[in-house]
Amino acid sequence: DTDGTGFISVSDFKIALKALGFEPDKQEIRRLLWGGDANAEGAPRDRSGGITFNEFQNIMSEKMNQVDTDTDLERAFELFDDDETGSISLRNLRRIARQLGENISEDELQEMLDVADRRGVGEVSLEDFKHVMKKGAWAK
């Protein structure tokens, strides 16, 4: 939500998918965003011009459930773990948020980390990441 409207735009959605290692074409973007629920102009019926964060979480949960192998999740994890520590830290989340142009508060980033950190060590392991991405655990 780079423009502060409360909605994730189509362009922000594409950037987020790419950051997670996906390369969707226009048809897949439309299917994921609107799932056939669009008006004649192809816009969401609510005319929001995008999707809410909760809708984004649901879409990403669906997308991650379609991942055929752990290799795809490992590739996505490596995009977050740029310092190659074997875990995702608060610093890694800050960097991703900056790269995506997201204005996410430190508290929100910490909350994301806390939800995904199943071991309670302050970082997200590859196994934690796989669990979150496959099960949508962040939406508890």
N, C-alpha and C. Protein backbone atom coordinates (compact mmCIF):
# COMPACT_ATOMS: atom_id res chain seq x y z
N ASP A 1 0.85 -1.19 0.00
CA ASP A 1 0.00 0.00 0.00
C ASP A 1 0.89 1.25 0.00
N THR A 2 1.60 1.45 -1.08
CA THR A 2 2.58 2.53 -1.14
C THR A 2 1.97 3.92 -1.14
N ASP A 3 0.68 4.03 -1.51
CA ASP A 3 0.06 5.35 -1.56
C ASP A 3 -0.83 5.64 -0.36
N GLY A 4 -0.87 4.73 0.62
CA GLY A 4 -1.60 4.96 1.86
C GLY A 4 -3.11 4.93 1.74
N THR A 5 -3.66 4.25 0.73
CA THR A 5 -5.12 4.21 0.55
C THR A 5 -5.78 3.10 1.35
N GLY A 6 -4.99 2.19 1.88
CA GLY A 6 -5.56 1.03 2.56
C GLY A 6 -5.74 -0.16 1.63
N PHE A 7 -5.31 0.02 0.38
CA PHE A 7 -5.42 -1.05 -0.61
C PHE A 7 -4.06 -1.27 -1.27
N ILE A 8 -3.81 -2.50 -1.65
CA ILE A 8 -2.60 -2.84 -2.39
C ILE A 8 -2.95 -2.77 -3.87
N SER A 9 -2.25 -1.91 -4.59
CA SER A 9 -2.54 -1.72 -6.01
C SER A 9 -2.07 -2.93 -6.82
N VAL A 10 -2.52 -2.99 -8.06
CA VAL A 10 -2.10 -4.07 -8.95
C VAL A 10 -0.59 -4.06 -9.12
N SER A 11 0.00 -2.88 -9.30
CA SER A 11 1.46 -2.82 -9.49
C SER A 11 2.20 -3.25 -8.22
N ASP A 12 1.72 -2.85 -7.04
CA ASP A 12 2.34 -3.29 -5.79
C ASP A 12 2.20 -4.80 -5.62
N PHE A 13 1.05 -5.33 -6.03
CA PHE A 13 0.80 -6.76 -5.94
C PHE A 13 1.80 -7.53 -6.81
N LYS A 14 2.03 -7.04 -8.02
CA LYS A 14 3.01 -7.68 -8.92
C LYS A 14 4.40 -7.66 -8.30
N ILE A 15 4.78 -6.53 -7.71
CA ILE A 15 6.10 -6.39 -7.08
C ILE A 15 6.24 -7.38 -5.93
N ALA A 16 5.18 -7.51 -5.12
CA ALA A 16 5.22 -8.43 -3.99
C ALA A 16 5.37 -9.88 -4.46
N LEU A 17 4.64 -10.24 -5.52
CA LEU A 17 4.76 -11.60 -6.06
C LEU A 17 6.18 -11.86 -6.55
N LYS A 18 6.75 -10.89 -7.24
CA LYS A 18 8.12 -11.06 -7.75
C LYS A 18 9.11 -11.17 -6.60
N ALA A 19 8.89 -10.40 -5.53
CA ALA A 19 9.77 -10.47 -4.36
C ALA A 19 9.73 -11.84 -3.71
N LEU A 20 8.61 -12.54 -3.87
CA LEU A 20 8.47 -13.88 -3.31
C LEU A 20 8.88 -14.97 -4.30
N GLY A 21 9.41 -14.55 -5.44
CA GLY A 21 9.95 -15.52 -6.39
C GLY A 21 9.00 -15.98 -7.47
N PHE A 22 7.84 -15.33 -7.60
CA PHE A 22 6.87 -15.70 -8.64
C PHE A 22 6.99 -14.77 -9.83
N GLU A 23 6.67 -15.28 -11.00
CA GLU A 23 6.68 -14.48 -12.24
C GLU A 23 5.33 -14.63 -12.93
N PRO A 24 4.27 -14.06 -12.37
CA PRO A 24 2.94 -14.24 -12.95
C PRO A 24 2.75 -13.42 -14.22
N ASP A 25 1.97 -13.96 -15.17
CA ASP A 25 1.62 -13.18 -16.35
C ASP A 25 0.33 -12.40 -16.06
N LYS A 26 -0.10 -11.56 -17.01
CA LYS A 26 -1.28 -10.71 -16.79
C LYS A 26 -2.52 -11.53 -16.47
N GLN A 27 -2.68 -12.65 -17.15
CA GLN A 27 -3.86 -13.49 -16.93
C GLN A 27 -3.88 -14.04 -15.50
N GLU A 28 -2.73 -14.47 -15.00
CA GLU A 28 -2.70 -14.99 -13.64
C GLU A 28 -2.93 -13.88 -12.62
N ILE A 29 -2.39 -12.70 -12.87
CA ILE A 29 -2.64 -11.56 -11.98
C ILE A 29 -4.14 -11.31 -11.88
N ARG A 30 -4.80 -11.26 -13.02
CA ARG A 30 -6.26 -11.03 -13.03
C ARG A 30 -6.99 -12.13 -12.25
N ARG A 31 -6.60 -13.38 -12.49
CA ARG A 31 -7.26 -14.49 -11.80
C ARG A 31 -7.05 -14.39 -10.29
N LEU A 32 -5.83 -14.10 -9.87
CA LEU A 32 -5.54 -14.00 -8.45
C LEU A 32 -6.27 -12.83 -7.80
N LEU A 33 -6.26 -11.69 -8.47
CA LEU A 33 -6.86 -10.50 -7.88
C LEU A 33 -8.38 -10.52 -7.90
N TRP A 34 -8.93 -10.95 -9.01
CA TRP A 34 -10.38 -10.81 -9.14
C TRP A 34 -11.12 -12.12 -9.26
N GLY A 35 -10.42 -13.19 -9.57
CA GLY A 35 -11.05 -14.51 -9.62
C GLY A 35 -12.35 -14.52 -10.38
N GLY A 36 -12.44 -13.73 -11.43
CA GLY A 36 -13.67 -13.68 -12.21
C GLY A 36 -14.70 -12.73 -11.64
N ASP A 37 -14.42 -12.13 -10.49
CA ASP A 37 -15.38 -11.22 -9.87
C ASP A 37 -15.02 -9.78 -10.21
N ALA A 38 -15.17 -9.44 -11.49
CA ALA A 38 -14.83 -8.09 -11.94
C ALA A 38 -15.97 -7.53 -12.76
N ASN A 39 -16.01 -6.21 -12.85
CA ASN A 39 -17.03 -5.58 -13.68
C ASN A 39 -16.57 -5.61 -15.14
N ALA A 40 -17.34 -5.00 -16.02
CA ALA A 40 -17.04 -5.05 -17.45
C ALA A 40 -15.68 -4.44 -17.79
N GLU A 41 -15.22 -3.49 -16.99
CA GLU A 41 -13.93 -2.85 -17.25
C GLU A 41 -12.77 -3.66 -16.67
N GLY A 42 -13.08 -4.75 -15.98
CA GLY A 42 -12.03 -5.57 -15.40
C GLY A 42 -11.58 -5.11 -14.03
N ALA A 43 -12.27 -4.14 -13.45
CA ALA A 43 -11.92 -3.65 -12.12
C ALA A 43 -12.67 -4.46 -11.07
N PRO A 44 -12.12 -4.53 -9.85
CA PRO A 44 -12.85 -5.22 -8.79
C PRO A 44 -14.23 -4.59 -8.62
N ARG A 45 -15.21 -5.40 -8.29
CA ARG A 45 -16.58 -4.89 -8.17
C ARG A 45 -16.71 -3.78 -7.14
N ASP A 46 -15.89 -3.81 -6.10
CA ASP A 46 -16.01 -2.76 -5.09
C ASP A 46 -15.32 -1.46 -5.52
N ARG A 47 -14.72 -1.46 -6.70
CA ARG A 47 -14.06 -0.29 -7.29
C ARG A 47 -12.97 0.29 -6.40
N SER A 48 -12.36 -0.55 -5.60
CA SER A 48 -11.32 -0.07 -4.68
C SER A 48 -10.02 0.24 -5.39
N GLY A 49 -9.84 -0.30 -6.57
CA GLY A 49 -8.58 -0.09 -7.27
C GLY A 49 -7.47 -0.97 -6.75
N GLY A 50 -7.80 -1.92 -5.92
CA GLY A 50 -6.80 -2.82 -5.37
C GLY A 50 -7.43 -3.79 -4.41
N ILE A 51 -6.60 -4.37 -3.57
CA ILE A 51 -7.07 -5.34 -2.59
C ILE A 51 -6.61 -4.93 -1.21
N THR A 52 -7.32 -5.39 -0.19
CA THR A 52 -6.93 -5.11 1.18
C THR A 52 -5.79 -6.04 1.57
N PHE A 53 -5.15 -5.75 2.69
CA PHE A 53 -4.06 -6.61 3.15
C PHE A 53 -4.58 -8.01 3.46
N ASN A 54 -5.79 -8.12 4.05
CA ASN A 54 -6.36 -9.44 4.34
C ASN A 54 -6.60 -10.22 3.06
N GLU A 55 -7.09 -9.53 2.02
CA GLU A 55 -7.28 -10.20 0.73
C GLU A 55 -5.93 -10.65 0.18
N PHE A 56 -4.91 -9.81 0.34
CA PHE A 56 -3.56 -10.17 -0.10
C PHE A 56 -3.09 -11.44 0.61
N GLN A 57 -3.30 -11.50 1.93
CA GLN A 57 -2.89 -12.69 2.69
C GLN A 57 -3.60 -13.94 2.17
N ASN A 58 -4.90 -13.82 1.91
CA ASN A 58 -5.66 -14.97 1.41
C ASN A 58 -5.15 -15.41 0.04
N ILE A 59 -4.89 -14.45 -0.82
CA ILE A 59 -4.38 -14.77 -2.16
C ILE A 59 -3.02 -15.44 -2.06
N MET A 60 -2.15 -14.91 -1.21
CA MET A 60 -0.81 -15.48 -1.08
C MET A 60 -0.88 -16.88 -0.47
N SER A 61 -1.80 -17.10 0.44
CA SER A 61 -1.97 -18.44 1.00
C SER A 61 -2.37 -19.41 -0.10
N GLU A 62 -3.31 -19.00 -0.95
CA GLU A 62 -3.72 -19.83 -2.09
C GLU A 62 -2.54 -20.09 -3.01
N LYS A 63 -1.80 -19.03 -3.31
CA LYS A 63 -0.66 -19.15 -4.22
C LYS A 63 0.39 -20.09 -3.65
N MET A 64 0.68 -19.97 -2.37
CA MET A 64 1.70 -20.81 -1.76
C MET A 64 1.24 -22.26 -1.67
N ASN A 65 -0.06 -22.49 -1.56
CA ASN A 65 -0.56 -23.86 -1.55
C ASN A 65 -0.40 -24.52 -2.91
N GLN A 66 -0.21 -23.73 -3.94
CA GLN A 66 -0.01 -24.27 -5.28
C GLN A 66 1.45 -24.59 -5.57
N VAL A 67 2.33 -24.21 -4.67
CA VAL A 67 3.76 -24.45 -4.89
C VAL A 67 4.00 -25.96 -4.88
N ASP A 68 4.61 -26.45 -5.94
CA ASP A 68 4.80 -27.88 -6.10
C ASP A 68 5.93 -28.44 -5.26
N THR A 69 6.98 -27.68 -5.09
CA THR A 69 8.14 -28.21 -4.38
C THR A 69 8.63 -27.23 -3.34
N ASP A 70 9.39 -27.76 -2.41
CA ASP A 70 10.01 -26.91 -1.40
C ASP A 70 11.07 -26.01 -2.02
N THR A 71 11.55 -26.37 -3.20
CA THR A 71 12.58 -25.57 -3.86
C THR A 71 12.10 -24.14 -4.09
N ASP A 72 10.83 -23.98 -4.48
CA ASP A 72 10.28 -22.64 -4.71
C ASP A 72 10.26 -21.83 -3.42
N LEU A 73 9.88 -22.48 -2.32
CA LEU A 73 9.86 -21.78 -1.03
C LEU A 73 11.28 -21.44 -0.58
N GLU A 74 12.20 -22.34 -0.83
CA GLU A 74 13.59 -22.07 -0.46
C GLU A 74 14.15 -20.89 -1.24
N ARG A 75 13.80 -20.80 -2.51
CA ARG A 75 14.23 -19.65 -3.33
C ARG A 75 13.65 -18.36 -2.78
N ALA A 76 12.36 -18.38 -2.42
CA ALA A 76 11.73 -17.19 -1.86
C ALA A 76 12.39 -16.81 -0.53
N PHE A 77 12.67 -17.82 0.31
CA PHE A 77 13.33 -17.58 1.59
C PHE A 77 14.68 -16.89 1.38
N GLU A 78 15.43 -17.35 0.39
CA GLU A 78 16.75 -16.77 0.11
C GLU A 78 16.66 -15.30 -0.29
N LEU A 79 15.54 -14.90 -0.92
CA LEU A 79 15.36 -13.49 -1.26
C LEU A 79 15.25 -12.63 0.00
N PHE A 80 14.62 -13.18 1.04
CA PHE A 80 14.51 -12.46 2.30
C PHE A 80 15.84 -12.51 3.06
N ASP A 81 16.49 -13.67 3.07
CA ASP A 81 17.72 -13.89 3.83
C ASP A 81 18.94 -13.46 3.02
N ASP A 82 19.00 -12.17 2.69
CA ASP A 82 20.08 -11.66 1.83
C ASP A 82 21.45 -11.71 2.49
N ASP A 83 21.48 -11.75 3.82
CA ASP A 83 22.77 -11.82 4.52
C ASP A 83 23.21 -13.27 4.76
N GLU A 84 22.43 -14.21 4.26
CA GLU A 84 22.76 -15.64 4.29
C GLU A 84 23.06 -16.17 5.68
N THR A 85 22.23 -15.76 6.65
CA THR A 85 22.39 -16.25 8.02
C THR A 85 21.60 -17.53 8.27
N GLY A 86 20.72 -17.87 7.34
CA GLY A 86 19.88 -19.04 7.52
C GLY A 86 18.58 -18.72 8.22
N SER A 87 18.33 -17.43 8.44
CA SER A 87 17.08 -17.01 9.07
C SER A 87 16.71 -15.61 8.59
N ILE A 88 15.45 -15.28 8.78
CA ILE A 88 14.95 -13.95 8.41
C ILE A 88 14.85 -13.13 9.70
N SER A 89 15.53 -12.02 9.71
CA SER A 89 15.56 -11.14 10.89
C SER A 89 14.69 -9.91 10.65
N LEU A 90 14.56 -9.11 11.67
CA LEU A 90 13.85 -7.85 11.55
C LEU A 90 14.52 -6.97 10.49
N ARG A 91 15.84 -6.98 10.45
CA ARG A 91 16.57 -6.21 9.44
C ARG A 91 16.21 -6.66 8.04
N ASN A 92 16.09 -7.97 7.82
CA ASN A 92 15.71 -8.50 6.50
C ASN A 92 14.31 -8.03 6.12
N LEU A 93 13.38 -8.07 7.08
CA LEU A 93 12.00 -7.61 6.79
C LEU A 93 11.98 -6.13 6.46
N ARG A 94 12.77 -5.33 7.20
CA ARG A 94 12.86 -3.89 6.91
C ARG A 94 13.31 -3.65 5.48
N ARG A 95 14.34 -4.38 5.06
CA ARG A 95 14.88 -4.22 3.71
C ARG A 95 13.83 -4.57 2.66
N ILE A 96 13.13 -5.68 2.84
CA ILE A 96 12.09 -6.08 1.87
C ILE A 96 10.99 -5.03 1.81
N ALA A 97 10.56 -4.54 2.97
CA ALA A 97 9.51 -3.51 2.99
C ALA A 97 9.97 -2.27 2.24
N ARG A 98 11.22 -1.87 2.45
CA ARG A 98 11.78 -0.71 1.73
C ARG A 98 11.80 -0.95 0.23
N GLN A 99 12.28 -2.13 -0.17
CA GLN A 99 12.36 -2.46 -1.60
C GLN A 99 10.99 -2.46 -2.26
N LEU A 100 9.98 -2.85 -1.51
CA LEU A 100 8.62 -2.89 -2.06
C LEU A 100 7.93 -1.53 -1.95
N GLY A 101 8.61 -0.57 -1.32
CA GLY A 101 8.03 0.76 -1.17
C GLY A 101 6.94 0.81 -0.11
N GLU A 102 6.94 -0.16 0.78
CA GLU A 102 5.92 -0.22 1.83
C GLU A 102 6.34 0.60 3.04
N ASN A 103 5.40 1.32 3.59
CA ASN A 103 5.63 2.11 4.79
C ASN A 103 5.06 1.33 5.97
N ILE A 104 5.81 0.35 6.44
CA ILE A 104 5.36 -0.51 7.53
C ILE A 104 6.12 -0.11 8.79
N SER A 105 5.39 0.10 9.87
CA SER A 105 6.02 0.53 11.11
C SER A 105 6.89 -0.58 11.68
N GLU A 106 7.81 -0.17 12.55
CA GLU A 106 8.69 -1.13 13.22
C GLU A 106 7.86 -2.13 14.03
N ASP A 107 6.79 -1.65 14.68
CA ASP A 107 5.92 -2.53 15.45
C ASP A 107 5.24 -3.57 14.57
N GLU A 108 4.78 -3.14 13.38
CA GLU A 108 4.12 -4.08 12.46
C GLU A 108 5.10 -5.12 11.95
N LEU A 109 6.32 -4.70 11.63
CA LEU A 109 7.34 -5.65 11.19
C LEU A 109 7.66 -6.65 12.30
N GLN A 110 7.78 -6.14 13.52
CA GLN A 110 8.07 -7.02 14.66
C GLN A 110 6.93 -8.01 14.86
N GLU A 111 5.70 -7.55 14.71
CA GLU A 111 4.55 -8.44 14.85
C GLU A 111 4.58 -9.55 13.79
N MET A 112 4.92 -9.19 12.56
CA MET A 112 5.03 -10.19 11.50
C MET A 112 6.08 -11.24 11.87
N LEU A 113 7.20 -10.76 12.37
CA LEU A 113 8.28 -11.65 12.76
C LEU A 113 7.84 -12.56 13.91
N ASP A 114 7.18 -11.97 14.90
CA ASP A 114 6.74 -12.74 16.07
C ASP A 114 5.75 -13.84 15.69
N VAL A 115 4.84 -13.53 14.78
CA VAL A 115 3.84 -14.51 14.35
C VAL A 115 4.50 -15.68 13.63
N ALA A 116 5.48 -15.37 12.79
CA ALA A 116 6.14 -16.42 12.00
C ALA A 116 7.18 -17.20 12.80
N ASP A 117 7.72 -16.59 13.84
CA ASP A 117 8.79 -17.20 14.64
C ASP A 117 8.21 -18.23 15.60
N ARG A 118 8.08 -19.44 15.14
CA ARG A 118 7.45 -20.50 15.93
C ARG A 118 8.33 -20.98 17.08
N ARG A 119 9.64 -20.72 17.01
CA ARG A 119 10.57 -21.17 18.04
C ARG A 119 10.79 -20.13 19.13
N GLY A 120 10.33 -18.90 18.87
CA GLY A 120 10.49 -17.83 19.86
C GLY A 120 11.91 -17.34 20.02
N VAL A 121 12.69 -17.33 18.93
CA VAL A 121 14.09 -16.91 19.01
C VAL A 121 14.35 -15.55 18.37
N GLY A 122 13.30 -14.90 17.88
CA GLY A 122 13.47 -13.57 17.30
C GLY A 122 13.84 -13.56 15.84
N GLU A 123 13.86 -14.72 15.21
CA GLU A 123 14.15 -14.85 13.78
C GLU A 123 13.28 -15.95 13.20
N VAL A 124 13.12 -15.92 11.89
CA VAL A 124 12.30 -16.91 11.20
C VAL A 124 13.21 -17.87 10.44
N SER A 125 13.15 -19.14 10.82
CA SER A 125 13.94 -20.15 10.13
C SER A 125 13.27 -20.54 8.81
N LEU A 126 13.97 -21.31 8.01
CA LEU A 126 13.39 -21.80 6.77
C LEU A 126 12.13 -22.61 7.05
N GLU A 127 12.17 -23.45 8.08
CA GLU A 127 10.99 -24.26 8.42
C GLU A 127 9.83 -23.38 8.88
N ASP A 128 10.13 -22.34 9.68
CA ASP A 128 9.09 -21.38 10.08
C ASP A 128 8.47 -20.74 8.85
N PHE A 129 9.33 -20.31 7.92
CA PHE A 129 8.89 -19.64 6.70
C PHE A 129 7.99 -20.55 5.88
N LYS A 130 8.41 -21.80 5.71
CA LYS A 130 7.59 -22.76 4.95
C LYS A 130 6.23 -22.94 5.61
N HIS A 131 6.23 -23.04 6.93
CA HIS A 131 4.96 -23.22 7.66
C HIS A 131 4.03 -22.03 7.42
N VAL A 132 4.55 -20.83 7.56
CA VAL A 132 3.75 -19.62 7.37
C VAL A 132 3.21 -19.55 5.95
N MET A 133 4.07 -19.80 4.98
CA MET A 133 3.67 -19.66 3.59
C MET A 133 2.69 -20.75 3.16
N LYS A 134 2.83 -21.94 3.69
CA LYS A 134 1.93 -23.03 3.30
C LYS A 134 0.61 -23.01 4.06
N LYS A 135 0.65 -22.58 5.30
CA LYS A 135 -0.54 -22.63 6.15
C LYS A 135 -1.21 -21.29 6.36
N GLY A 136 -0.57 -20.22 5.95
CA GLY A 136 -1.15 -18.90 6.18
C GLY A 136 -1.19 -18.57 7.66
N ALA A 137 -0.19 -19.02 8.42
CA ALA A 137 -0.18 -18.87 9.87
C ALA A 137 -0.19 -17.43 10.33
N TRP A 138 0.23 -16.48 9.49
CA TRP A 138 0.26 -15.07 9.89
C TRP A 138 -1.14 -14.51 10.07
N ALA A 139 -2.14 -15.18 9.55
CA ALA A 139 -3.51 -14.66 9.59
C ALA A 139 -4.28 -15.19 10.79
N LYS A 140 -3.57 -15.63 11.85
CA LYS A 140 -4.22 -16.19 13.04
C LYS A 140 -5.14 -15.18 13.67
